[in-house]
Amino acid sequence: MDALGGSKLANAINYARNQRPYMENYLLDGRCSISNNAAERAVKSYVMGRKNFLFHDTVRGARASAVVYTLAETAKANGLNIRLYLETVMAKMLDYKNEPDSILEELMPWSEAMQRSCSLNNGNV
């Protein structure tokens, strides 16, 4: 059915019809959200500060920032006090320097140790 010919409205309707199966993908898994608002809110603070990123004049500096931002957002997503979590991780990093990677699991925001010591639910503000 193409009652509107080749108008912009007809093109938009045809596009929406063709994309429908992809737009309904979130219905296949209850964990998926209908919108990406949560993801956009998570990166908003970094988007707002993008002028500061102009000072990342080396790849190593940009990579270091990306690691810290990723740790901060993962800590936030796991209900941790971000500042306390980052302080704890930075303080313990040297102790773990020569340990196997598997021991680093203790420093992950979802670990029981980090949940006990850095959780917002424990009164850590």
PDB file of N, CA and C in Angstrom:
ATOM      1  N   MET A   1       0.845  -1.177   0.000  1.00  0.00           N
ATOM      2  CA  MET A   1       0.000   0.000   0.000  1.00  0.00           C
ATOM      3  C   MET A   1       0.890   1.239   0.000  1.00  0.00           C
ATOM      4  N   ASP A   2       0.721   2.041  -1.003  1.00  0.00           N
ATOM      5  CA  ASP A   2       1.562   3.232  -1.117  1.00  0.00           C
ATOM      6  C   ASP A   2       0.701   4.391  -1.595  1.00  0.00           C
ATOM      7  N   ALA A   3      -0.286   4.793  -0.746  1.00  0.00           N
ATOM      8  CA  ALA A   3      -1.253   5.812  -1.127  1.00  0.00           C
ATOM      9  C   ALA A   3      -0.626   7.184  -1.275  1.00  0.00           C
ATOM     10  N   LEU A   4       0.509   7.402  -0.650  1.00  0.00           N
ATOM     11  CA  LEU A   4       1.113   8.721  -0.663  1.00  0.00           C
ATOM     12  C   LEU A   4       2.183   8.880  -1.731  1.00  0.00           C
ATOM     13  N   GLY A   5       2.331   7.889  -2.584  1.00  0.00           N
ATOM     14  CA  GLY A   5       3.329   7.978  -3.647  1.00  0.00           C
ATOM     15  C   GLY A   5       4.738   8.005  -3.077  1.00  0.00           C
ATOM     16  N   GLY A   6       5.574   8.848  -3.615  1.00  0.00           N
ATOM     17  CA  GLY A   6       6.977   8.916  -3.198  1.00  0.00           C
ATOM     18  C   GLY A   6       7.256  10.073  -2.262  1.00  0.00           C
ATOM     19  N   SER A   7       6.235  10.541  -1.530  1.00  0.00           N
ATOM     20  CA  SER A   7       6.417  11.677  -0.633  1.00  0.00           C
ATOM     21  C   SER A   7       7.339  11.305   0.533  1.00  0.00           C
ATOM     22  N   LYS A   8       7.794  12.322   1.232  1.00  0.00           N
ATOM     23  CA  LYS A   8       8.653  12.089   2.398  1.00  0.00           C
ATOM     24  C   LYS A   8       7.907  11.310   3.475  1.00  0.00           C
ATOM     25  N   LEU A   9       6.619  11.590   3.641  1.00  0.00           N
ATOM     26  CA  LEU A   9       5.817  10.865   4.618  1.00  0.00           C
ATOM     27  C   LEU A   9       5.714   9.392   4.237  1.00  0.00           C
ATOM     28  N   ALA A  10       5.498   9.110   2.958  1.00  0.00           N
ATOM     29  CA  ALA A  10       5.419   7.720   2.496  1.00  0.00           C
ATOM     30  C   ALA A  10       6.739   7.007   2.748  1.00  0.00           C
ATOM     31  N   ASN A  11       7.836   7.694   2.467  1.00  0.00           N
ATOM     32  CA  ASN A  11       9.158   7.088   2.713  1.00  0.00           C
ATOM     33  C   ASN A  11       9.357   6.792   4.192  1.00  0.00           C
ATOM     34  N   ALA A  12       8.919   7.699   5.057  1.00  0.00           N
ATOM     35  CA  ALA A  12       9.065   7.500   6.504  1.00  0.00           C
ATOM     36  C   ALA A  12       8.223   6.319   6.974  1.00  0.00           C
ATOM     37  N   ILE A  13       6.992   6.214   6.471  1.00  0.00           N
ATOM     38  CA  ILE A  13       6.117   5.103   6.851  1.00  0.00           C
ATOM     39  C   ILE A  13       6.690   3.784   6.372  1.00  0.00           C
ATOM     40  N   ASN A  14       7.158   3.749   5.129  1.00  0.00           N
ATOM     41  CA  ASN A  14       7.757   2.516   4.602  1.00  0.00           C
ATOM     42  C   ASN A  14       9.003   2.126   5.389  1.00  0.00           C
ATOM     43  N   TYR A  15       9.811   3.104   5.772  1.00  0.00           N
ATOM     44  CA  TYR A  15      11.013   2.830   6.575  1.00  0.00           C
ATOM     45  C   TYR A  15      10.610   2.217   7.915  1.00  0.00           C
ATOM     46  N   ALA A  16       9.614   2.822   8.585  1.00  0.00           N
ATOM     47  CA  ALA A  16       9.160   2.312   9.884  1.00  0.00           C
ATOM     48  C   ALA A  16       8.638   0.884   9.753  1.00  0.00           C
ATOM     49  N   ARG A  17       7.882   0.620   8.697  1.00  0.00           N
ATOM     50  CA  ARG A  17       7.373  -0.742   8.483  1.00  0.00           C
ATOM     51  C   ARG A  17       8.516  -1.735   8.281  1.00  0.00           C
ATOM     52  N   ASN A  18       9.512  -1.349   7.522  1.00  0.00           N
ATOM     53  CA  ASN A  18      10.644  -2.242   7.256  1.00  0.00           C
ATOM     54  C   ASN A  18      11.511  -2.466   8.490  1.00  0.00           C
ATOM     55  N   GLN A  19      11.533  -1.500   9.398  1.00  0.00           N
ATOM     56  CA  GLN A  19      12.368  -1.600  10.592  1.00  0.00           C
ATOM     57  C   GLN A  19      11.642  -2.239  11.776  1.00  0.00           C
ATOM     58  N   ARG A  20      10.348  -2.465  11.636  1.00  0.00           N
ATOM     59  CA  ARG A  20       9.551  -2.957  12.753  1.00  0.00           C
ATOM     60  C   ARG A  20      10.142  -4.190  13.443  1.00  0.00           C
ATOM     61  N   PRO A  21      10.573  -5.221  12.705  1.00  0.00           N
ATOM     62  CA  PRO A  21      11.122  -6.401  13.397  1.00  0.00           C
ATOM     63  C   PRO A  21      12.333  -6.051  14.274  1.00  0.00           C
ATOM     64  N   TYR A  22      13.138  -5.109  13.834  1.00  0.00           N
ATOM     65  CA  TYR A  22      14.321  -4.718  14.598  1.00  0.00           C
ATOM     66  C   TYR A  22      13.941  -3.863  15.800  1.00  0.00           C
ATOM     67  N   MET A  23      12.924  -3.019  15.623  1.00  0.00           N
ATOM     68  CA  MET A  23      12.494  -2.152  16.703  1.00  0.00           C
ATOM     69  C   MET A  23      11.794  -2.939  17.807  1.00  0.00           C
ATOM     70  N   GLU A  24      11.285  -4.110  17.511  1.00  0.00           N
ATOM     71  CA  GLU A  24      10.591  -4.927  18.502  1.00  0.00           C
ATOM     72  C   GLU A  24      11.501  -5.973  19.140  1.00  0.00           C
ATOM     73  N   ASN A  25      12.774  -5.935  18.852  1.00  0.00           N
ATOM     74  CA  ASN A  25      13.717  -6.900  19.423  1.00  0.00           C
ATOM     75  C   ASN A  25      13.689  -6.906  20.941  1.00  0.00           C
ATOM     76  N   TYR A  26      13.445  -5.767  21.559  1.00  0.00           N
ATOM     77  CA  TYR A  26      13.447  -5.699  23.016  1.00  0.00           C
ATOM     78  C   TYR A  26      12.363  -6.583  23.623  1.00  0.00           C
ATOM     79  N   LEU A  27      11.355  -6.939  22.844  1.00  0.00           N
ATOM     80  CA  LEU A  27      10.288  -7.808  23.342  1.00  0.00           C
ATOM     81  C   LEU A  27      10.742  -9.258  23.496  1.00  0.00           C
ATOM     82  N   LEU A  28      11.838  -9.614  22.861  1.00  0.00           N
ATOM     83  CA  LEU A  28      12.320 -10.993  22.899  1.00  0.00           C
ATOM     84  C   LEU A  28      13.040 -11.333  24.203  1.00  0.00           C
ATOM     85  N   ASP A  29      13.512 -10.323  24.918  1.00  0.00           N
ATOM     86  CA  ASP A  29      14.272 -10.546  26.152  1.00  0.00           C
ATOM     87  C   ASP A  29      13.818  -9.517  27.179  1.00  0.00           C
ATOM     88  N   GLY A  30      13.254  -9.969  28.270  1.00  0.00           N
ATOM     89  CA  GLY A  30      12.728  -9.087  29.292  1.00  0.00           C
ATOM     90  C   GLY A  30      13.759  -8.185  29.936  1.00  0.00           C
ATOM     91  N   ARG A  31      15.042  -8.508  29.785  1.00  0.00           N
ATOM     92  CA  ARG A  31      16.091  -7.663  30.359  1.00  0.00           C
ATOM     93  C   ARG A  31      16.354  -6.419  29.526  1.00  0.00           C
ATOM     94  N   CYS A  32      15.877  -6.424  28.293  1.00  0.00           N
ATOM     95  CA  CYS A  32      16.112  -5.285  27.394  1.00  0.00           C
ATOM     96  C   CYS A  32      15.104  -4.182  27.673  1.00  0.00           C
ATOM     97  N   SER A  33      15.573  -2.977  27.609  1.00  0.00           N
ATOM     98  CA  SER A  33      14.719  -1.817  27.832  1.00  0.00           C
ATOM     99  C   SER A  33      14.170  -1.328  26.497  1.00  0.00           C
ATOM    100  N   ILE A  34      12.996  -0.697  26.554  1.00  0.00           N
ATOM    101  CA  ILE A  34      12.401  -0.158  25.335  1.00  0.00           C
ATOM    102  C   ILE A  34      13.173   1.063  24.857  1.00  0.00           C
ATOM    103  N   SER A  35      13.911   1.705  25.737  1.00  0.00           N
ATOM    104  CA  SER A  35      14.678   2.888  25.339  1.00  0.00           C
ATOM    105  C   SER A  35      16.121   2.756  25.811  1.00  0.00           C
ATOM    106  N   ASN A  36      16.955   3.655  25.326  1.00  0.00           N
ATOM    107  CA  ASN A  36      18.356   3.660  25.743  1.00  0.00           C
ATOM    108  C   ASN A  36      18.632   4.836  26.679  1.00  0.00           C
ATOM    109  N   ASN A  37      17.588   5.339  27.357  1.00  0.00           N
ATOM    110  CA  ASN A  37      17.742   6.489  28.243  1.00  0.00           C
ATOM    111  C   ASN A  37      18.776   6.250  29.336  1.00  0.00           C
ATOM    112  N   ALA A  38      18.784   5.061  29.923  1.00  0.00           N
ATOM    113  CA  ALA A  38      19.738   4.781  31.001  1.00  0.00           C
ATOM    114  C   ALA A  38      21.172   4.856  30.482  1.00  0.00           C
ATOM    115  N   ALA A  39      21.406   4.317  29.300  1.00  0.00           N
ATOM    116  CA  ALA A  39      22.755   4.364  28.725  1.00  0.00           C
ATOM    117  C   ALA A  39      23.148   5.802  28.400  1.00  0.00           C
ATOM    118  N   GLU A  40      22.203   6.573  27.883  1.00  0.00           N
ATOM    119  CA  GLU A  40      22.512   7.966  27.560  1.00  0.00           C
ATOM    120  C   GLU A  40      22.784   8.784  28.816  1.00  0.00           C
ATOM    121  N   ARG A  41      22.023   8.532  29.889  1.00  0.00           N
ATOM    122  CA  ARG A  41      22.295   9.229  31.155  1.00  0.00           C
ATOM    123  C   ARG A  41      23.671   8.879  31.695  1.00  0.00           C
ATOM    124  N   ALA A  42      24.079   7.622  31.516  1.00  0.00           N
ATOM    125  CA  ALA A  42      25.370   7.178  32.043  1.00  0.00           C
ATOM    126  C   ALA A  42      26.535   7.904  31.378  1.00  0.00           C
ATOM    127  N   VAL A  43      26.409   8.245  30.113  1.00  0.00           N
ATOM    128  CA  VAL A  43      27.522   8.891  29.413  1.00  0.00           C
ATOM    129  C   VAL A  43      27.389  10.402  29.348  1.00  0.00           C
ATOM    130  N   LYS A  44      26.268  10.933  29.827  1.00  0.00           N
ATOM    131  CA  LYS A  44      26.019  12.367  29.701  1.00  0.00           C
ATOM    132  C   LYS A  44      27.116  13.211  30.345  1.00  0.00           C
ATOM    133  N   SER A  45      27.563  12.824  31.529  1.00  0.00           N
ATOM    134  CA  SER A  45      28.580  13.628  32.205  1.00  0.00           C
ATOM    135  C   SER A  45      29.879  13.674  31.414  1.00  0.00           C
ATOM    136  N   TYR A  46      30.169  12.621  30.696  1.00  0.00           N
ATOM    137  CA  TYR A  46      31.399  12.603  29.905  1.00  0.00           C
ATOM    138  C   TYR A  46      31.229  13.365  28.596  1.00  0.00           C
ATOM    139  N   VAL A  47      30.035  13.330  28.055  1.00  0.00           N
ATOM    140  CA  VAL A  47      29.769  14.100  26.844  1.00  0.00           C
ATOM    141  C   VAL A  47      29.839  15.590  27.162  1.00  0.00           C
ATOM    142  N   MET A  48      29.307  15.963  28.318  1.00  0.00           N
ATOM    143  CA  MET A  48      29.322  17.371  28.722  1.00  0.00           C
ATOM    144  C   MET A  48      30.755  17.876  28.908  1.00  0.00           C
ATOM    145  N   GLY A  49      31.658  16.993  29.271  1.00  0.00           N
ATOM    146  CA  GLY A  49      33.040  17.403  29.502  1.00  0.00           C
ATOM    147  C   GLY A  49      33.956  17.170  28.322  1.00  0.00           C
ATOM    148  N   ARG A  50      33.399  16.985  27.139  1.00  0.00           N
ATOM    149  CA  ARG A  50      34.236  16.606  25.998  1.00  0.00           C
ATOM    150  C   ARG A  50      35.305  17.635  25.658  1.00  0.00           C
ATOM    151  N   LYS A  51      35.083  18.904  25.996  1.00  0.00           N
ATOM    152  CA  LYS A  51      36.136  19.887  25.735  1.00  0.00           C
ATOM    153  C   LYS A  51      37.398  19.561  26.532  1.00  0.00           C
ATOM    154  N   ASN A  52      37.199  18.970  27.712  1.00  0.00           N
ATOM    155  CA  ASN A  52      38.355  18.576  28.514  1.00  0.00           C
ATOM    156  C   ASN A  52      39.157  17.471  27.824  1.00  0.00           C
ATOM    157  N   PHE A  53      38.481  16.687  27.011  1.00  0.00           N
ATOM    158  CA  PHE A  53      39.160  15.588  26.342  1.00  0.00           C
ATOM    159  C   PHE A  53      40.133  16.077  25.283  1.00  0.00           C
ATOM    160  N   LEU A  54      40.024  17.331  24.899  1.00  0.00           N
ATOM    161  CA  LEU A  54      40.978  17.883  23.942  1.00  0.00           C
ATOM    162  C   LEU A  54      42.395  17.862  24.507  1.00  0.00           C
ATOM    163  N   PHE A  55      42.484  17.779  25.840  1.00  0.00           N
ATOM    164  CA  PHE A  55      43.794  17.755  26.480  1.00  0.00           C
ATOM    165  C   PHE A  55      44.405  16.354  26.495  1.00  0.00           C
ATOM    166  N   HIS A  56      43.674  15.379  25.999  1.00  0.00           N
ATOM    167  CA  HIS A  56      44.235  14.033  25.857  1.00  0.00           C
ATOM    168  C   HIS A  56      45.134  14.052  24.624  1.00  0.00           C
ATOM    169  N   ASP A  57      46.350  14.458  24.837  1.00  0.00           N
ATOM    170  CA  ASP A  57      47.234  14.614  23.682  1.00  0.00           C
ATOM    171  C   ASP A  57      48.065  13.369  23.389  1.00  0.00           C
ATOM    172  N   THR A  58      47.842  12.302  24.156  1.00  0.00           N
ATOM    173  CA  THR A  58      48.521  11.045  23.868  1.00  0.00           C
ATOM    174  C   THR A  58      47.503   9.908  23.919  1.00  0.00           C
ATOM    175  N   VAL A  59      47.816   8.838  23.248  1.00  0.00           N
ATOM    176  CA  VAL A  59      46.955   7.657  23.269  1.00  0.00           C
ATOM    177  C   VAL A  59      46.911   7.079  24.681  1.00  0.00           C
ATOM    178  N   ARG A  60      48.063   7.087  25.357  1.00  0.00           N
ATOM    179  CA  ARG A  60      48.105   6.545  26.723  1.00  0.00           C
ATOM    180  C   ARG A  60      47.203   7.348  27.664  1.00  0.00           C
ATOM    181  N   GLY A  61      47.181   8.667  27.520  1.00  0.00           N
ATOM    182  CA  GLY A  61      46.330   9.498  28.360  1.00  0.00           C
ATOM    183  C   GLY A  61      44.857   9.240  28.108  1.00  0.00           C
ATOM    184  N   ALA A  62      44.500   9.126  26.846  1.00  0.00           N
ATOM    185  CA  ALA A  62      43.111   8.843  26.494  1.00  0.00           C
ATOM    186  C   ALA A  62      42.703   7.460  26.992  1.00  0.00           C
ATOM    187  N   ARG A  63      43.588   6.487  26.863  1.00  0.00           N
ATOM    188  CA  ARG A  63      43.298   5.129  27.325  1.00  0.00           C
ATOM    189  C   ARG A  63      43.138   5.106  28.847  1.00  0.00           C
ATOM    190  N   ALA A  64      43.995   5.833  29.561  1.00  0.00           N
ATOM    191  CA  ALA A  64      43.895   5.896  31.023  1.00  0.00           C
ATOM    192  C   ALA A  64      42.562   6.509  31.451  1.00  0.00           C
ATOM    193  N   SER A  65      42.149   7.575  30.771  1.00  0.00           N
ATOM    194  CA  SER A  65      40.858   8.194  31.079  1.00  0.00           C
ATOM    195  C   SER A  65      39.717   7.224  30.821  1.00  0.00           C
ATOM    196  N   ALA A  66      39.787   6.508  29.732  1.00  0.00           N
ATOM    197  CA  ALA A  66      38.735   5.547  29.402  1.00  0.00           C
ATOM    198  C   ALA A  66      38.632   4.467  30.472  1.00  0.00           C
ATOM    199  N   VAL A  67      39.766   4.021  30.979  1.00  0.00           N
ATOM    200  CA  VAL A  67      39.762   3.001  32.037  1.00  0.00           C
ATOM    201  C   VAL A  67      39.100   3.553  33.297  1.00  0.00           C
ATOM    202  N   VAL A  68      39.477   4.760  33.695  1.00  0.00           N
ATOM    203  CA  VAL A  68      38.906   5.354  34.914  1.00  0.00           C
ATOM    204  C   VAL A  68      37.407   5.588  34.739  1.00  0.00           C
ATOM    205  N   TYR A  69      36.989   6.117  33.586  1.00  0.00           N
ATOM    206  CA  TYR A  69      35.564   6.346  33.358  1.00  0.00           C
ATOM    207  C   TYR A  69      34.790   5.029  33.368  1.00  0.00           C
ATOM    208  N   THR A  70      35.368   3.996  32.799  1.00  0.00           N
ATOM    209  CA  THR A  70      34.710   2.692  32.781  1.00  0.00           C
ATOM    210  C   THR A  70      34.576   2.144  34.194  1.00  0.00           C
ATOM    211  N   LEU A  71      35.629   2.259  34.985  1.00  0.00           N
ATOM    212  CA  LEU A  71      35.561   1.815  36.379  1.00  0.00           C
ATOM    213  C   LEU A  71      34.500   2.589  37.149  1.00  0.00           C
ATOM    214  N   ALA A  72      34.451   3.894  36.941  1.00  0.00           N
ATOM    215  CA  ALA A  72      33.483   4.731  37.651  1.00  0.00           C
ATOM    216  C   ALA A  72      32.053   4.347  37.286  1.00  0.00           C
ATOM    217  N   GLU A  73      31.771   4.183  36.021  1.00  0.00           N
ATOM    218  CA  GLU A  73      30.411   3.837  35.600  1.00  0.00           C
ATOM    219  C   GLU A  73      30.028   2.427  36.043  1.00  0.00           C
ATOM    220  N   THR A  74      30.984   1.500  36.042  1.00  0.00           N
ATOM    221  CA  THR A  74      30.693   0.142  36.495  1.00  0.00           C
ATOM    222  C   THR A  74      30.444   0.129  37.996  1.00  0.00           C
ATOM    223  N   ALA A  75      31.210   0.937  38.734  1.00  0.00           N
ATOM    224  CA  ALA A  75      30.979   1.052  40.179  1.00  0.00           C
ATOM    225  C   ALA A  75      29.596   1.629  40.439  1.00  0.00           C
ATOM    226  N   LYS A  76      29.229   2.661  39.697  1.00  0.00           N
ATOM    227  CA  LYS A  76      27.906   3.280  39.860  1.00  0.00           C
ATOM    228  C   LYS A  76      26.811   2.263  39.565  1.00  0.00           C
ATOM    229  N   ALA A  77      26.978   1.504  38.496  1.00  0.00           N
ATOM    230  CA  ALA A  77      25.973   0.508  38.113  1.00  0.00           C
ATOM    231  C   ALA A  77      25.840  -0.597  39.154  1.00  0.00           C
ATOM    232  N   ASN A  78      26.899  -0.803  39.958  1.00  0.00           N
ATOM    233  CA  ASN A  78      26.866  -1.833  40.988  1.00  0.00           C
ATOM    234  C   ASN A  78      26.553  -1.267  42.365  1.00  0.00           C
ATOM    235  N   GLY A  79      26.080  -0.023  42.417  1.00  0.00           N
ATOM    236  CA  GLY A  79      25.636   0.569  43.673  1.00  0.00           C
ATOM    237  C   GLY A  79      26.746   0.931  44.636  1.00  0.00           C
ATOM    238  N   LEU A  80      27.928   1.268  44.109  1.00  0.00           N
ATOM    239  CA  LEU A  80      29.053   1.616  44.972  1.00  0.00           C
ATOM    240  C   LEU A  80      29.256   3.122  45.043  1.00  0.00           C
ATOM    241  N   ASN A  81      29.875   3.558  46.109  1.00  0.00           N
ATOM    242  CA  ASN A  81      30.350   4.927  46.231  1.00  0.00           C
ATOM    243  C   ASN A  81      31.558   5.016  45.309  1.00  0.00           C
ATOM    244  N   ILE A  82      31.446   5.794  44.257  1.00  0.00           N
ATOM    245  CA  ILE A  82      32.477   5.813  43.212  1.00  0.00           C
ATOM    246  C   ILE A  82      33.823   6.255  43.763  1.00  0.00           C
ATOM    247  N   ARG A  83      33.845   7.352  44.512  1.00  0.00           N
ATOM    248  CA  ARG A  83      35.110   7.863  45.044  1.00  0.00           C
ATOM    249  C   ARG A  83      35.770   6.836  45.958  1.00  0.00           C
ATOM    250  N   LEU A  84      34.995   6.249  46.860  1.00  0.00           N
ATOM    251  CA  LEU A  84      35.536   5.250  47.776  1.00  0.00           C
ATOM    252  C   LEU A  84      36.029   4.022  47.013  1.00  0.00           C
ATOM    253  N   TYR A  85      35.277   3.593  46.013  1.00  0.00           N
ATOM    254  CA  TYR A  85      35.689   2.438  45.213  1.00  0.00           C
ATOM    255  C   TYR A  85      37.013   2.707  44.500  1.00  0.00           C
ATOM    256  N   LEU A  86      37.113   3.865  43.817  1.00  0.00           N
ATOM    257  CA  LEU A  86      38.354   4.182  43.098  1.00  0.00           C
ATOM    258  C   LEU A  86      39.531   4.312  44.061  1.00  0.00           C
ATOM    259  N   GLU A  87      39.324   4.918  45.228  1.00  0.00           N
ATOM    260  CA  GLU A  87      40.394   5.025  46.231  1.00  0.00           C
ATOM    261  C   GLU A  87      40.841   3.636  46.686  1.00  0.00           C
ATOM    262  N   THR A  88      39.878   2.760  46.917  1.00  0.00           N
ATOM    263  CA  THR A  88      40.190   1.396  47.362  1.00  0.00           C
ATOM    264  C   THR A  88      40.961   0.637  46.300  1.00  0.00           C
ATOM    265  N   VAL A  89      40.501   0.730  45.065  1.00  0.00           N
ATOM    266  CA  VAL A  89      41.181   0.030  43.970  1.00  0.00           C
ATOM    267  C   VAL A  89      42.605   0.560  43.793  1.00  0.00           C
ATOM    268  N   MET A  90      42.747   1.886  43.789  1.00  0.00           N
ATOM    269  CA  MET A  90      44.079   2.469  43.603  1.00  0.00           C
ATOM    270  C   MET A  90      45.023   2.076  44.736  1.00  0.00           C
ATOM    271  N   ALA A  91      44.507   2.029  45.950  1.00  0.00           N
ATOM    272  CA  ALA A  91      45.348   1.664  47.094  1.00  0.00           C
ATOM    273  C   ALA A  91      45.789   0.198  47.030  1.00  0.00           C
ATOM    274  N   LYS A  92      44.912  -0.662  46.522  1.00  0.00           N
ATOM    275  CA  LYS A  92      45.225  -2.097  46.496  1.00  0.00           C
ATOM    276  C   LYS A  92      45.948  -2.544  45.234  1.00  0.00           C
ATOM    277  N   MET A  93      45.952  -1.718  44.207  1.00  0.00           N
ATOM    278  CA  MET A  93      46.556  -2.109  42.931  1.00  0.00           C
ATOM    279  C   MET A  93      48.005  -2.546  43.078  1.00  0.00           C
ATOM    280  N   LEU A  94      48.783  -1.815  43.854  1.00  0.00           N
ATOM    281  CA  LEU A  94      50.199  -2.171  43.994  1.00  0.00           C
ATOM    282  C   LEU A  94      50.372  -3.521  44.675  1.00  0.00           C
ATOM    283  N   ASP A  95      49.471  -3.857  45.604  1.00  0.00           N
ATOM    284  CA  ASP A  95      49.541  -5.155  46.266  1.00  0.00           C
ATOM    285  C   ASP A  95      49.286  -6.304  45.292  1.00  0.00           C
ATOM    286  N   TYR A  96      48.539  -6.029  44.236  1.00  0.00           N
ATOM    287  CA  TYR A  96      48.149  -7.063  43.278  1.00  0.00           C
ATOM    288  C   TYR A  96      49.039  -7.089  42.041  1.00  0.00           C
ATOM    289  N   LYS A  97      50.051  -6.236  42.007  1.00  0.00           N
ATOM    290  CA  LYS A  97      50.878  -6.055  40.812  1.00  0.00           C
ATOM    291  C   LYS A  97      51.435  -7.366  40.250  1.00  0.00           C
ATOM    292  N   ASN A  98      51.936  -8.234  41.098  1.00  0.00           N
ATOM    293  CA  ASN A  98      52.574  -9.474  40.634  1.00  0.00           C
ATOM    294  C   ASN A  98      51.688 -10.703  40.810  1.00  0.00           C
ATOM    295  N   GLU A  99      50.409 -10.474  41.052  1.00  0.00           N
ATOM    296  CA  GLU A  99      49.481 -11.585  41.246  1.00  0.00           C
ATOM    297  C   GLU A  99      48.873 -11.997  39.908  1.00  0.00           C
ATOM    298  N   PRO A 100      48.376 -13.221  39.817  1.00  0.00           N
ATOM    299  CA  PRO A 100      47.711 -13.640  38.572  1.00  0.00           C
ATOM    300  C   PRO A 100      46.420 -12.829  38.364  1.00  0.00           C
ATOM    301  N   ASP A 101      46.006 -12.709  37.116  1.00  0.00           N
ATOM    302  CA  ASP A 101      44.815 -11.921  36.790  1.00  0.00           C
ATOM    303  C   ASP A 101      43.577 -12.404  37.532  1.00  0.00           C
ATOM    304  N   SER A 102      43.504 -13.689  37.845  1.00  0.00           N
ATOM    305  CA  SER A 102      42.312 -14.218  38.510  1.00  0.00           C
ATOM    306  C   SER A 102      42.096 -13.578  39.880  1.00  0.00           C
ATOM    307  N   ILE A 103      43.150 -13.142  40.529  1.00  0.00           N
ATOM    308  CA  ILE A 103      43.026 -12.521  41.847  1.00  0.00           C
ATOM    309  C   ILE A 103      42.409 -11.128  41.736  1.00  0.00           C
ATOM    310  N   LEU A 104      42.495 -10.525  40.535  1.00  0.00           N
ATOM    311  CA  LEU A 104      41.928  -9.195  40.322  1.00  0.00           C
ATOM    312  C   LEU A 104      40.407  -9.193  40.443  1.00  0.00           C
ATOM    313  N   GLU A 105      39.802 -10.360  40.371  1.00  0.00           N
ATOM    314  CA  GLU A 105      38.352 -10.464  40.528  1.00  0.00           C
ATOM    315  C   GLU A 105      37.908  -9.821  41.849  1.00  0.00           C
ATOM    316  N   GLU A 106      38.767  -9.864  42.861  1.00  0.00           N
ATOM    317  CA  GLU A 106      38.440  -9.257  44.159  1.00  0.00           C
ATOM    318  C   GLU A 106      38.281  -7.747  44.065  1.00  0.00           C
ATOM    319  N   LEU A 107      38.883  -7.128  43.060  1.00  0.00           N
ATOM    320  CA  LEU A 107      38.801  -5.675  42.905  1.00  0.00           C
ATOM    321  C   LEU A 107      37.635  -5.232  42.038  1.00  0.00           C
ATOM    322  N   MET A 108      36.922  -6.168  41.449  1.00  0.00           N
ATOM    323  CA  MET A 108      35.805  -5.815  40.582  1.00  0.00           C
ATOM    324  C   MET A 108      34.648  -5.285  41.423  1.00  0.00           C
ATOM    325  N   PRO A 109      33.888  -4.330  40.879  1.00  0.00           N
ATOM    326  CA  PRO A 109      32.808  -3.709  41.654  1.00  0.00           C
ATOM    327  C   PRO A 109      31.736  -4.683  42.126  1.00  0.00           C
ATOM    328  N   TRP A 110      31.570  -5.792  41.454  1.00  0.00           N
ATOM    329  CA  TRP A 110      30.549  -6.762  41.838  1.00  0.00           C
ATOM    330  C   TRP A 110      31.054  -7.780  42.851  1.00  0.00           C
ATOM    331  N   SER A 111      32.343  -7.720  43.198  1.00  0.00           N
ATOM    332  CA  SER A 111      32.881  -8.689  44.154  1.00  0.00           C
ATOM    333  C   SER A 111      32.296  -8.450  45.537  1.00  0.00           C
ATOM    334  N   GLU A 112      32.221  -9.504  46.331  1.00  0.00           N
ATOM    335  CA  GLU A 112      31.677  -9.390  47.686  1.00  0.00           C
ATOM    336  C   GLU A 112      32.487  -8.408  48.526  1.00  0.00           C
ATOM    337  N   ALA A 113      33.808  -8.434  48.359  1.00  0.00           N
ATOM    338  CA  ALA A 113      34.668  -7.535  49.143  1.00  0.00           C
ATOM    339  C   ALA A 113      34.362  -6.071  48.840  1.00  0.00           C
ATOM    340  N   MET A 114      34.213  -5.733  47.582  1.00  0.00           N
ATOM    341  CA  MET A 114      33.924  -4.344  47.214  1.00  0.00           C
ATOM    342  C   MET A 114      32.495  -3.959  47.602  1.00  0.00           C
ATOM    343  N   GLN A 115      31.583  -4.887  47.503  1.00  0.00           N
ATOM    344  CA  GLN A 115      30.207  -4.614  47.916  1.00  0.00           C
ATOM    345  C   GLN A 115      30.145  -4.329  49.417  1.00  0.00           C
ATOM    346  N   ARG A 116      30.933  -5.063  50.204  1.00  0.00           N
ATOM    347  CA  ARG A 116      30.959  -4.837  51.657  1.00  0.00           C
ATOM    348  C   ARG A 116      31.588  -3.491  52.004  1.00  0.00           C
ATOM    349  N   SER A 117      32.699  -3.162  51.365  1.00  0.00           N
ATOM    350  CA  SER A 117      33.454  -1.982  51.786  1.00  0.00           C
ATOM    351  C   SER A 117      33.050  -0.682  51.092  1.00  0.00           C
ATOM    352  N   CYS A 118      32.418  -0.754  49.924  1.00  0.00           N
ATOM    353  CA  CYS A 118      32.159   0.473  49.159  1.00  0.00           C
ATOM    354  C   CYS A 118      30.703   0.692  48.793  1.00  0.00           C
ATOM    355  N   SER A 119      29.815  -0.166  49.241  1.00  0.00           N
ATOM    356  CA  SER A 119      28.418  -0.073  48.834  1.00  0.00           C
ATOM    357  C   SER A 119      27.750   1.174  49.403  1.00  0.00           C
ATOM    358  N   LEU A 120      26.922   1.804  48.581  1.00  0.00           N
ATOM    359  CA  LEU A 120      26.131   2.951  49.048  1.00  0.00           C
ATOM    360  C   LEU A 120      25.120   2.513  50.099  1.00  0.00           C
ATOM    361  N   ASN A 121      24.730   1.259  50.074  1.00  0.00           N
ATOM    362  CA  ASN A 121      23.754   0.745  51.030  1.00  0.00           C
ATOM    363  C   ASN A 121      24.336   0.567  52.424  1.00  0.00           C
ATOM    364  N   ASN A 122      25.655   0.619  52.540  1.00  0.00           N
ATOM    365  CA  ASN A 122      26.313   0.469  53.829  1.00  0.00           C
ATOM    366  C   ASN A 122      26.566   1.811  54.511  1.00  0.00           C
ATOM    367  N   GLY A 123      25.943   2.850  54.000  1.00  0.00           N
ATOM    368  CA  GLY A 123      26.121   4.178  54.594  1.00  0.00           C
ATOM    369  C   GLY A 123      27.340   4.911  54.073  1.00  0.00           C
ATOM    370  N   ASN A 124      28.005   4.381  53.039  1.00  0.00           N
ATOM    371  CA  ASN A 124      29.159   5.053  52.438  1.00  0.00           C
ATOM    372  C   ASN A 124      28.651   6.104  51.456  1.00  0.00           C
ATOM    373  N   VAL A 125      28.761   7.338  51.808  1.00  0.00           N
ATOM    374  CA  VAL A 125      28.271   8.409  50.921  1.00  0.00           C
ATOM    375  C   VAL A 125      29.407   9.195  50.369  1.00  0.00           C
TER     376      VAL A 125
END
